[in-house]
Structures are given as C-alpha cells and as structure tokens.
Amino acid sequence: MSKVLAKIGRQNHSNHLVAVMPLITLVYGVQCFIMYKYASTISIGDYAISLGVMLSAFIGMMVYYDNNHNVLIYSDHLHIHFPALGTDEKIMLSEITEII
C-alpha cells in the first residue's frame, strides 16, 4: 500500500465554529429575547433550554464528524471513510475528470 500524502478535513469545522462562536451566541440571545418580548404563549425557559440543547447537539455532531470523517490522499487514489454512514470508498485519481 502506498504512503498517505495528505489527510483533509480534521479541523475545518472546529476552527470555523470557534471563529463564529460570538455570532452564534449573539443569534441565540436575540432569538430568546424576541421570543420573550413577542411570544407570550410559550415558556421562555423551555424555549431557551431547547435552543441550547439543539446548539450543543449541533456542535457535538460537528466535532464527531471532524474526528471520524477521513479523506486520505495517496499518489494514485483518494480514500474516503466515515463510519457513521458506512462510507468507505476508494476513488482513483484517473477517474476524476473535473474539480470544481
């Protein structure tokens, strides 16, 4: 088996998430404030907890994806592996006709 030339994607989502965390936090706060001011029929505490749980799940899924999705570049092929979806594919570089 040939040597791995590069591994792609490990920190891309995590780095992006850290960069946009202030914006995500601001949007979370604005959503809670708007619901508090204009939606009197819902419980703002339950709403804030639901948003927080969904945000935590989103971040957790991104971290899981970063840790488990691997794209390995070899001299003659790409190897794509993501166990959560059962993906384990080998793509020969000669089969690639266009990169967008």
PDB file of N, CA and C in Angstrom:
ATOM      1  N   MET A   1       0.848  -1.184   0.000  1.00  0.00           N
ATOM      2  CA  MET A   1       0.000   0.000   0.000  1.00  0.00           C
ATOM      3  C   MET A   1       0.891   1.245   0.000  1.00  0.00           C
ATOM      4  N   SER A   2       0.512   2.238  -0.769  1.00  0.00           N
ATOM      5  CA  SER A   2       1.322   3.445  -0.881  1.00  0.00           C
ATOM      6  C   SER A   2       1.143   4.351   0.346  1.00  0.00           C
ATOM      7  N   LYS A   3       2.039   5.290   0.457  1.00  0.00           N
ATOM      8  CA  LYS A   3       2.084   6.199   1.599  1.00  0.00           C
ATOM      9  C   LYS A   3       1.041   7.314   1.461  1.00  0.00           C
ATOM     10  N   VAL A   4       0.422   7.701   2.586  1.00  0.00           N
ATOM     11  CA  VAL A   4      -0.551   8.791   2.598  1.00  0.00           C
ATOM     12  C   VAL A   4       0.191  10.110   2.390  1.00  0.00           C
ATOM     13  N   LEU A   5      -0.219  10.858   1.368  1.00  0.00           N
ATOM     14  CA  LEU A   5       0.395  12.153   1.081  1.00  0.00           C
ATOM     15  C   LEU A   5      -0.219  13.274   1.910  1.00  0.00           C
ATOM     16  N   ALA A   6      -1.526  13.200   2.137  1.00  0.00           N
ATOM     17  CA  ALA A   6      -2.218  14.241   2.913  1.00  0.00           C
ATOM     18  C   ALA A   6      -3.505  13.693   3.498  1.00  0.00           C
ATOM     19  N   LYS A   7      -3.937  14.321   4.590  1.00  0.00           N
ATOM     20  CA  LYS A   7      -5.209  13.995   5.221  1.00  0.00           C
ATOM     21  C   LYS A   7      -5.990  15.307   5.295  1.00  0.00           C
ATOM     22  N   ILE A   8      -7.230  15.292   4.803  1.00  0.00           N
ATOM     23  CA  ILE A   8      -8.002  16.530   4.692  1.00  0.00           C
ATOM     24  C   ILE A   8      -9.158  16.546   5.688  1.00  0.00           C
ATOM     25  N   GLY A   9      -9.430  17.729   6.249  1.00  0.00           N
ATOM     26  CA  GLY A   9     -10.683  17.993   6.921  1.00  0.00           C
ATOM     27  C   GLY A   9     -10.737  17.902   8.424  1.00  0.00           C
ATOM     28  N   ARG A  10      -9.738  17.452   9.096  1.00  0.00           N
ATOM     29  CA  ARG A  10      -9.837  17.174  10.528  1.00  0.00           C
ATOM     30  C   ARG A  10     -10.287  18.365  11.359  1.00  0.00           C
ATOM     31  N   GLN A  11      -9.704  19.537  11.142  1.00  0.00           N
ATOM     32  CA  GLN A  11     -10.005  20.682  11.993  1.00  0.00           C
ATOM     33  C   GLN A  11     -10.845  21.761  11.317  1.00  0.00           C
ATOM     34  N   ASN A  12     -11.306  21.529  10.120  1.00  0.00           N
ATOM     35  CA  ASN A  12     -12.011  22.578   9.390  1.00  0.00           C
ATOM     36  C   ASN A  12     -13.253  23.075  10.115  1.00  0.00           C
ATOM     37  N   HIS A  13     -14.140  22.181  10.547  1.00  0.00           N
ATOM     38  CA  HIS A  13     -15.362  22.597  11.215  1.00  0.00           C
ATOM     39  C   HIS A  13     -15.078  23.186  12.589  1.00  0.00           C
ATOM     40  N   SER A  14     -14.169  22.586  13.327  1.00  0.00           N
ATOM     41  CA  SER A  14     -13.854  23.088  14.664  1.00  0.00           C
ATOM     42  C   SER A  14     -13.275  24.495  14.603  1.00  0.00           C
ATOM     43  N   ASN A  15     -12.359  24.737  13.679  1.00  0.00           N
ATOM     44  CA  ASN A  15     -11.785  26.078  13.535  1.00  0.00           C
ATOM     45  C   ASN A  15     -12.854  27.085  13.139  1.00  0.00           C
ATOM     46  N   HIS A  16     -13.719  26.705  12.219  1.00  0.00           N
ATOM     47  CA  HIS A  16     -14.792  27.604  11.794  1.00  0.00           C
ATOM     48  C   HIS A  16     -15.750  27.881  12.947  1.00  0.00           C
ATOM     49  N   LEU A  17     -16.084  26.847  13.716  1.00  0.00           N
ATOM     50  CA  LEU A  17     -17.009  27.001  14.827  1.00  0.00           C
ATOM     51  C   LEU A  17     -16.454  27.953  15.881  1.00  0.00           C
ATOM     52  N   VAL A  18     -15.167  27.846  16.178  1.00  0.00           N
ATOM     53  CA  VAL A  18     -14.539  28.754  17.140  1.00  0.00           C
ATOM     54  C   VAL A  18     -14.564  30.191  16.614  1.00  0.00           C
ATOM     55  N   ALA A  19     -14.371  30.348  15.308  1.00  0.00           N
ATOM     56  CA  ALA A  19     -14.353  31.690  14.720  1.00  0.00           C
ATOM     57  C   ALA A  19     -15.728  32.356  14.745  1.00  0.00           C
ATOM     58  N   VAL A  20     -16.792  31.571  14.580  1.00  0.00           N
ATOM     59  CA  VAL A  20     -18.132  32.159  14.526  1.00  0.00           C
ATOM     60  C   VAL A  20     -18.908  32.019  15.839  1.00  0.00           C
ATOM     61  N   MET A  21     -18.283  31.519  16.892  1.00  0.00           N
ATOM     62  CA  MET A  21     -18.979  31.335  18.164  1.00  0.00           C
ATOM     63  C   MET A  21     -19.580  32.636  18.711  1.00  0.00           C
ATOM     64  N   PRO A  22     -18.897  33.780  18.627  1.00  0.00           N
ATOM     65  CA  PRO A  22     -19.555  35.013  19.095  1.00  0.00           C
ATOM     66  C   PRO A  22     -20.847  35.310  18.327  1.00  0.00           C
ATOM     67  N   LEU A  23     -20.856  35.102  17.030  1.00  0.00           N
ATOM     68  CA  LEU A  23     -22.057  35.330  16.232  1.00  0.00           C
ATOM     69  C   LEU A  23     -23.158  34.336  16.615  1.00  0.00           C
ATOM     70  N   ILE A  24     -22.812  33.081  16.801  1.00  0.00           N
ATOM     71  CA  ILE A  24     -23.796  32.063  17.190  1.00  0.00           C
ATOM     72  C   ILE A  24     -24.406  32.414  18.545  1.00  0.00           C
ATOM     73  N   THR A  25     -23.574  32.864  19.484  1.00  0.00           N
ATOM     74  CA  THR A  25     -24.060  33.252  20.805  1.00  0.00           C
ATOM     75  C   THR A  25     -24.989  34.453  20.711  1.00  0.00           C
ATOM     76  N   LEU A  26     -24.637  35.423  19.886  1.00  0.00           N
ATOM     77  CA  LEU A  26     -25.481  36.608  19.696  1.00  0.00           C
ATOM     78  C   LEU A  26     -26.834  36.213  19.103  1.00  0.00           C
ATOM     79  N   VAL A  27     -26.833  35.373  18.092  1.00  0.00           N
ATOM     80  CA  VAL A  27     -28.087  34.926  17.472  1.00  0.00           C
ATOM     81  C   VAL A  27     -28.938  34.171  18.486  1.00  0.00           C
ATOM     82  N   TYR A  28     -28.332  33.329  19.303  1.00  0.00           N
ATOM     83  CA  TYR A  28     -29.050  32.604  20.351  1.00  0.00           C
ATOM     84  C   TYR A  28     -29.724  33.589  21.305  1.00  0.00           C
ATOM     85  N   GLY A  29     -28.987  34.594  21.750  1.00  0.00           N
ATOM     86  CA  GLY A  29     -29.539  35.600  22.660  1.00  0.00           C
ATOM     87  C   GLY A  29     -30.663  36.406  22.025  1.00  0.00           C
ATOM     88  N   VAL A  30     -30.488  36.796  20.770  1.00  0.00           N
ATOM     89  CA  VAL A  30     -31.523  37.567  20.063  1.00  0.00           C
ATOM     90  C   VAL A  30     -32.790  36.730  19.905  1.00  0.00           C
ATOM     91  N   GLN A  31     -32.642  35.451  19.567  1.00  0.00           N
ATOM     92  CA  GLN A  31     -33.816  34.582  19.431  1.00  0.00           C
ATOM     93  C   GLN A  31     -34.579  34.483  20.753  1.00  0.00           C
ATOM     94  N   CYS A  32     -33.851  34.295  21.837  1.00  0.00           N
ATOM     95  CA  CYS A  32     -34.502  34.205  23.150  1.00  0.00           C
ATOM     96  C   CYS A  32     -35.195  35.516  23.502  1.00  0.00           C
ATOM     97  N   PHE A  33     -34.540  36.651  23.228  1.00  0.00           N
ATOM     98  CA  PHE A  33     -35.124  37.959  23.538  1.00  0.00           C
ATOM     99  C   PHE A  33     -36.392  38.210  22.721  1.00  0.00           C
ATOM    100  N   ILE A  34     -36.343  37.904  21.431  1.00  0.00           N
ATOM    101  CA  ILE A  34     -37.512  38.113  20.571  1.00  0.00           C
ATOM    102  C   ILE A  34     -38.690  37.248  21.046  1.00  0.00           C
ATOM    103  N   MET A  35     -38.417  35.999  21.379  1.00  0.00           N
ATOM    104  CA  MET A  35     -39.486  35.131  21.858  1.00  0.00           C
ATOM    105  C   MET A  35     -40.030  35.621  23.202  1.00  0.00           C
ATOM    106  N   TYR A  36     -39.182  36.145  24.052  1.00  0.00           N
ATOM    107  CA  TYR A  36     -39.610  36.678  25.346  1.00  0.00           C
ATOM    108  C   TYR A  36     -40.518  37.887  25.160  1.00  0.00           C
ATOM    109  N   LYS A  37     -40.159  38.770  24.224  1.00  0.00           N
ATOM    110  CA  LYS A  37     -40.908  40.001  24.010  1.00  0.00           C
ATOM    111  C   LYS A  37     -42.213  39.790  23.256  1.00  0.00           C
ATOM    112  N   TYR A  38     -42.208  38.935  22.240  1.00  0.00           N
ATOM    113  CA  TYR A  38     -43.327  38.890  21.311  1.00  0.00           C
ATOM    114  C   TYR A  38     -44.156  37.610  21.332  1.00  0.00           C
ATOM    115  N   ALA A  39     -43.712  36.583  22.016  1.00  0.00           N
ATOM    116  CA  ALA A  39     -44.470  35.334  22.044  1.00  0.00           C
ATOM    117  C   ALA A  39     -44.846  35.019  23.483  1.00  0.00           C
ATOM    118  N   SER A  40     -46.011  35.473  23.884  1.00  0.00           N
ATOM    119  CA  SER A  40     -46.425  35.288  25.280  1.00  0.00           C
ATOM    120  C   SER A  40     -46.989  33.897  25.549  1.00  0.00           C
ATOM    121  N   THR A  41     -47.228  33.121  24.507  1.00  0.00           N
ATOM    122  CA  THR A  41     -47.856  31.809  24.705  1.00  0.00           C
ATOM    123  C   THR A  41     -46.868  30.684  24.992  1.00  0.00           C
ATOM    124  N   ILE A  42     -45.564  30.954  24.883  1.00  0.00           N
ATOM    125  CA  ILE A  42     -44.584  29.888  25.139  1.00  0.00           C
ATOM    126  C   ILE A  42     -43.820  30.176  26.426  1.00  0.00           C
ATOM    127  N   SER A  43     -43.244  29.147  26.991  1.00  0.00           N
ATOM    128  CA  SER A  43     -42.385  29.286  28.166  1.00  0.00           C
ATOM    129  C   SER A  43     -40.974  29.620  27.691  1.00  0.00           C
ATOM    130  N   ILE A  44     -40.496  30.800  28.024  1.00  0.00           N
ATOM    131  CA  ILE A  44     -39.177  31.239  27.545  1.00  0.00           C
ATOM    132  C   ILE A  44     -38.065  30.359  28.110  1.00  0.00           C
ATOM    133  N   GLY A  45     -38.241  29.841  29.312  1.00  0.00           N
ATOM    134  CA  GLY A  45     -37.230  28.958  29.892  1.00  0.00           C
ATOM    135  C   GLY A  45     -37.087  27.670  29.098  1.00  0.00           C
ATOM    136  N   ASP A  46     -38.238  27.071  28.769  1.00  0.00           N
ATOM    137  CA  ASP A  46     -38.214  25.845  27.964  1.00  0.00           C
ATOM    138  C   ASP A  46     -37.651  26.121  26.576  1.00  0.00           C
ATOM    139  N   TYR A  47     -38.006  27.268  26.010  1.00  0.00           N
ATOM    140  CA  TYR A  47     -37.513  27.638  24.687  1.00  0.00           C
ATOM    141  C   TYR A  47     -35.992  27.798  24.699  1.00  0.00           C
ATOM    142  N   ALA A  48     -35.476  28.506  25.708  1.00  0.00           N
ATOM    143  CA  ALA A  48     -34.030  28.717  25.809  1.00  0.00           C
ATOM    144  C   ALA A  48     -33.294  27.395  26.007  1.00  0.00           C
ATOM    145  N   ILE A  49     -33.850  26.519  26.817  1.00  0.00           N
ATOM    146  CA  ILE A  49     -33.224  25.205  27.030  1.00  0.00           C
ATOM    147  C   ILE A  49     -33.240  24.388  25.737  1.00  0.00           C
ATOM    148  N   SER A  50     -34.366  24.431  25.011  1.00  0.00           N
ATOM    149  CA  SER A  50     -34.452  23.696  23.739  1.00  0.00           C
ATOM    150  C   SER A  50     -33.423  24.205  22.742  1.00  0.00           C
ATOM    151  N   LEU A  51     -33.309  25.532  22.618  1.00  0.00           N
ATOM    152  CA  LEU A  51     -32.304  26.095  21.717  1.00  0.00           C
ATOM    153  C   LEU A  51     -30.895  25.694  22.146  1.00  0.00           C
ATOM    154  N   GLY A  52     -30.639  25.740  23.450  1.00  0.00           N
ATOM    155  CA  GLY A  52     -29.321  25.365  23.954  1.00  0.00           C
ATOM    156  C   GLY A  52     -28.983  23.915  23.690  1.00  0.00           C
ATOM    157  N   VAL A  53     -29.959  23.026  23.874  1.00  0.00           N
ATOM    158  CA  VAL A  53     -29.737  21.598  23.615  1.00  0.00           C
ATOM    159  C   VAL A  53     -29.461  21.365  22.135  1.00  0.00           C
ATOM    160  N   MET A  54     -30.252  22.024  21.269  1.00  0.00           N
ATOM    161  CA  MET A  54     -30.031  21.861  19.834  1.00  0.00           C
ATOM    162  C   MET A  54     -28.674  22.410  19.404  1.00  0.00           C
ATOM    163  N   LEU A  55     -28.270  23.538  19.971  1.00  0.00           N
ATOM    164  CA  LEU A  55     -26.959  24.106  19.657  1.00  0.00           C
ATOM    165  C   LEU A  55     -25.846  23.179  20.127  1.00  0.00           C
ATOM    166  N   SER A  56     -25.988  22.621  21.317  1.00  0.00           N
ATOM    167  CA  SER A  56     -24.988  21.678  21.836  1.00  0.00           C
ATOM    168  C   SER A  56     -24.919  20.425  20.960  1.00  0.00           C
ATOM    169  N   ALA A  57     -26.078  19.925  20.526  1.00  0.00           N
ATOM    170  CA  ALA A  57     -26.097  18.752  19.655  1.00  0.00           C
ATOM    171  C   ALA A  57     -25.422  19.056  18.322  1.00  0.00           C
ATOM    172  N   PHE A  58     -25.679  20.240  17.780  1.00  0.00           N
ATOM    173  CA  PHE A  58     -25.060  20.656  16.525  1.00  0.00           C
ATOM    174  C   PHE A  58     -23.534  20.683  16.662  1.00  0.00           C
ATOM    175  N   ILE A  59     -23.045  21.284  17.732  1.00  0.00           N
ATOM    176  CA  ILE A  59     -21.600  21.364  17.956  1.00  0.00           C
ATOM    177  C   ILE A  59     -21.026  19.962  18.154  1.00  0.00           C
ATOM    178  N   GLY A  60     -21.722  19.133  18.919  1.00  0.00           N
ATOM    179  CA  GLY A  60     -21.269  17.758  19.129  1.00  0.00           C
ATOM    180  C   GLY A  60     -21.185  16.963  17.839  1.00  0.00           C
ATOM    181  N   MET A  61     -22.178  17.139  16.958  1.00  0.00           N
ATOM    182  CA  MET A  61     -22.155  16.431  15.677  1.00  0.00           C
ATOM    183  C   MET A  61     -21.004  16.911  14.801  1.00  0.00           C
ATOM    184  N   MET A  62     -20.714  18.223  14.838  1.00  0.00           N
ATOM    185  CA  MET A  62     -19.587  18.746  14.055  1.00  0.00           C
ATOM    186  C   MET A  62     -18.266  18.166  14.557  1.00  0.00           C
ATOM    187  N   VAL A  63     -18.103  18.096  15.875  1.00  0.00           N
ATOM    188  CA  VAL A  63     -16.871  17.535  16.448  1.00  0.00           C
ATOM    189  C   VAL A  63     -16.771  16.054  16.095  1.00  0.00           C
ATOM    190  N   TYR A  64     -17.883  15.310  16.192  1.00  0.00           N
ATOM    191  CA  TYR A  64     -17.876  13.891  15.816  1.00  0.00           C
ATOM    192  C   TYR A  64     -17.490  13.724  14.352  1.00  0.00           C
ATOM    193  N   TYR A  65     -18.066  14.549  13.497  1.00  0.00           N
ATOM    194  CA  TYR A  65     -17.758  14.488  12.068  1.00  0.00           C
ATOM    195  C   TYR A  65     -16.277  14.750  11.829  1.00  0.00           C
ATOM    196  N   ASP A  66     -15.733  15.789  12.470  1.00  0.00           N
ATOM    197  CA  ASP A  66     -14.310  16.097  12.298  1.00  0.00           C
ATOM    198  C   ASP A  66     -13.413  14.957  12.753  1.00  0.00           C
ATOM    199  N   ASN A  67     -13.792  14.312  13.825  1.00  0.00           N
ATOM    200  CA  ASN A  67     -12.952  13.248  14.372  1.00  0.00           C
ATOM    201  C   ASN A  67     -13.070  11.928  13.615  1.00  0.00           C
ATOM    202  N   ASN A  68     -14.158  11.736  12.864  1.00  0.00           N
ATOM    203  CA  ASN A  68     -14.386  10.441  12.240  1.00  0.00           C
ATOM    204  C   ASN A  68     -14.435  10.443  10.724  1.00  0.00           C
ATOM    205  N   HIS A  69     -14.538  11.589  10.098  1.00  0.00           N
ATOM    206  CA  HIS A  69     -14.557  11.654   8.636  1.00  0.00           C
ATOM    207  C   HIS A  69     -13.130  11.855   8.156  1.00  0.00           C
ATOM    208  N   ASN A  70     -12.646  10.924   7.365  1.00  0.00           N
ATOM    209  CA  ASN A  70     -11.270  10.989   6.885  1.00  0.00           C
ATOM    210  C   ASN A  70     -11.231  10.969   5.366  1.00  0.00           C
ATOM    211  N   VAL A  71     -10.490  11.897   4.793  1.00  0.00           N
ATOM    212  CA  VAL A  71     -10.190  11.880   3.367  1.00  0.00           C
ATOM    213  C   VAL A  71      -8.677  11.786   3.265  1.00  0.00           C
ATOM    214  N   LEU A  72      -8.207  10.647   2.786  1.00  0.00           N
ATOM    215  CA  LEU A  72      -6.774  10.414   2.668  1.00  0.00           C
ATOM    216  C   LEU A  72      -6.384  10.486   1.196  1.00  0.00           C
ATOM    217  N   ILE A  73      -5.320  11.224   0.914  1.00  0.00           N
ATOM    218  CA  ILE A  73      -4.849  11.368  -0.459  1.00  0.00           C
ATOM    219  C   ILE A  73      -3.581  10.542  -0.626  1.00  0.00           C
ATOM    220  N   TYR A  74      -3.642   9.622  -1.567  1.00  0.00           N
ATOM    221  CA  TYR A  74      -2.495   8.805  -1.937  1.00  0.00           C
ATOM    222  C   TYR A  74      -2.004   9.268  -3.310  1.00  0.00           C
ATOM    223  N   SER A  75      -0.911   8.739  -3.765  1.00  0.00           N
ATOM    224  CA  SER A  75      -0.360   9.164  -5.049  1.00  0.00           C
ATOM    225  C   SER A  75      -1.251   8.776  -6.226  1.00  0.00           C
ATOM    226  N   ASP A  76      -2.075   7.719  -6.057  1.00  0.00           N
ATOM    227  CA  ASP A  76      -2.908   7.265  -7.171  1.00  0.00           C
ATOM    228  C   ASP A  76      -4.415   7.258  -6.890  1.00  0.00           C
ATOM    229  N   HIS A  77      -4.818   7.499  -5.629  1.00  0.00           N
ATOM    230  CA  HIS A  77      -6.252   7.463  -5.308  1.00  0.00           C
ATOM    231  C   HIS A  77      -6.573   8.275  -4.054  1.00  0.00           C
ATOM    232  N   LEU A  78      -7.878   8.502  -3.854  1.00  0.00           N
ATOM    233  CA  LEU A  78      -8.408   9.111  -2.632  1.00  0.00           C
ATOM    234  C   LEU A  78      -9.129   8.020  -1.850  1.00  0.00           C
ATOM    235  N   HIS A  79      -9.007   8.048  -0.543  1.00  0.00           N
ATOM    236  CA  HIS A  79      -9.735   7.100   0.298  1.00  0.00           C
ATOM    237  C   HIS A  79     -10.617   7.916   1.231  1.00  0.00           C
ATOM    238  N   ILE A  80     -11.951   7.742   1.120  1.00  0.00           N
ATOM    239  CA  ILE A  80     -12.918   8.482   1.928  1.00  0.00           C
ATOM    240  C   ILE A  80     -13.563   7.511   2.900  1.00  0.00           C
ATOM    241  N   HIS A  81     -13.516   7.861   4.195  1.00  0.00           N
ATOM    242  CA  HIS A  81     -14.007   6.957   5.235  1.00  0.00           C
ATOM    243  C   HIS A  81     -14.822   7.753   6.256  1.00  0.00           C
ATOM    244  N   PHE A  82     -16.076   7.332   6.472  1.00  0.00           N
ATOM    245  CA  PHE A  82     -16.930   7.902   7.516  1.00  0.00           C
ATOM    246  C   PHE A  82     -17.808   6.790   8.062  1.00  0.00           C
ATOM    247  N   PRO A  83     -17.423   6.218   9.222  1.00  0.00           N
ATOM    248  CA  PRO A  83     -18.112   5.030   9.730  1.00  0.00           C
ATOM    249  C   PRO A  83     -19.585   5.243  10.082  1.00  0.00           C
ATOM    250  N   ALA A  84     -19.992   6.447  10.468  1.00  0.00           N
ATOM    251  CA  ALA A  84     -21.390   6.681  10.861  1.00  0.00           C
ATOM    252  C   ALA A  84     -22.351   6.403   9.709  1.00  0.00           C
ATOM    253  N   LEU A  85     -21.916   6.655   8.489  1.00  0.00           N
ATOM    254  CA  LEU A  85     -22.753   6.398   7.321  1.00  0.00           C
ATOM    255  C   LEU A  85     -22.317   5.158   6.549  1.00  0.00           C
ATOM    256  N   GLY A  86     -21.312   4.467   7.058  1.00  0.00           N
ATOM    257  CA  GLY A  86     -20.827   3.268   6.393  1.00  0.00           C
ATOM    258  C   GLY A  86     -20.068   3.552   5.109  1.00  0.00           C
ATOM    259  N   THR A  87     -19.523   4.741   4.996  1.00  0.00           N
ATOM    260  CA  THR A  87     -18.792   5.131   3.786  1.00  0.00           C
ATOM    261  C   THR A  87     -17.340   4.684   3.893  1.00  0.00           C
ATOM    262  N   ASP A  88     -16.902   3.945   2.919  1.00  0.00           N
ATOM    263  CA  ASP A  88     -15.505   3.545   2.819  1.00  0.00           C
ATOM    264  C   ASP A  88     -15.228   3.371   1.329  1.00  0.00           C
ATOM    265  N   GLU A  89     -14.850   4.460   0.698  1.00  0.00           N
ATOM    266  CA  GLU A  89     -14.764   4.486  -0.759  1.00  0.00           C
ATOM    267  C   GLU A  89     -13.350   4.825  -1.224  1.00  0.00           C
ATOM    268  N   LYS A  90     -12.951   4.163  -2.283  1.00  0.00           N
ATOM    269  CA  LYS A  90     -11.663   4.416  -2.916  1.00  0.00           C
ATOM    270  C   LYS A  90     -11.938   4.986  -4.307  1.00  0.00           C
ATOM    271  N   ILE A  91     -11.402   6.181  -4.576  1.00  0.00           N
ATOM    272  CA  ILE A  91     -11.598   6.842  -5.871  1.00  0.00           C
ATOM    273  C   ILE A  91     -10.235   7.006  -6.525  1.00  0.00           C
ATOM    274  N   MET A  92     -10.093   6.415  -7.685  1.00  0.00           N
ATOM    275  CA  MET A  92      -8.835   6.533  -8.414  1.00  0.00           C
ATOM    276  C   MET A  92      -8.719   7.949  -8.990  1.00  0.00           C
ATOM    277  N   LEU A  93      -7.535   8.530  -8.910  1.00  0.00           N
ATOM    278  CA  LEU A  93      -7.331   9.884  -9.437  1.00  0.00           C
ATOM    279  C   LEU A  93      -7.582   9.936 -10.939  1.00  0.00           C
ATOM    280  N   SER A  94      -7.348   8.848 -11.627  1.00  0.00           N
ATOM    281  CA  SER A  94      -7.586   8.802 -13.073  1.00  0.00           C
ATOM    282  C   SER A  94      -9.074   8.912 -13.414  1.00  0.00           C
ATOM    283  N   GLU A  95      -9.965   8.598 -12.455  1.00  0.00           N
ATOM    284  CA  GLU A  95     -11.410   8.698 -12.674  1.00  0.00           C
ATOM    285  C   GLU A  95     -11.932  10.125 -12.515  1.00  0.00           C
ATOM    286  N   ILE A  96     -11.165  10.999 -11.897  1.00  0.00           N
ATOM    287  CA  ILE A  96     -11.599  12.376 -11.656  1.00  0.00           C
ATOM    288  C   ILE A  96     -11.395  13.176 -12.921  1.00  0.00           C
ATOM    289  N   THR A  97     -12.503  13.715 -13.452  1.00  0.00           N
ATOM    290  CA  THR A  97     -12.428  14.471 -14.702  1.00  0.00           C
ATOM    291  C   THR A  97     -12.472  15.972 -14.480  1.00  0.00           C
ATOM    292  N   GLU A  98     -13.015  16.411 -13.334  1.00  0.00           N
ATOM    293  CA  GLU A  98     -13.148  17.844 -13.092  1.00  0.00           C
ATOM    294  C   GLU A  98     -13.194  18.116 -11.596  1.00  0.00           C
ATOM    295  N   ILE A  99     -12.559  19.199 -11.182  1.00  0.00           N
ATOM    296  CA  ILE A  99     -12.622  19.645  -9.793  1.00  0.00           C
ATOM    297  C   ILE A  99     -13.219  21.044  -9.801  1.00  0.00           C
ATOM    298  N   ILE A 100     -14.302  21.199  -9.067  1.00  0.00           N
ATOM    299  CA  ILE A 100     -14.989  22.490  -9.029  1.00  0.00           C
ATOM    300  C   ILE A 100     -14.640  23.196  -7.725  1.00  0.00           C
TER     301      ILE A 100
END
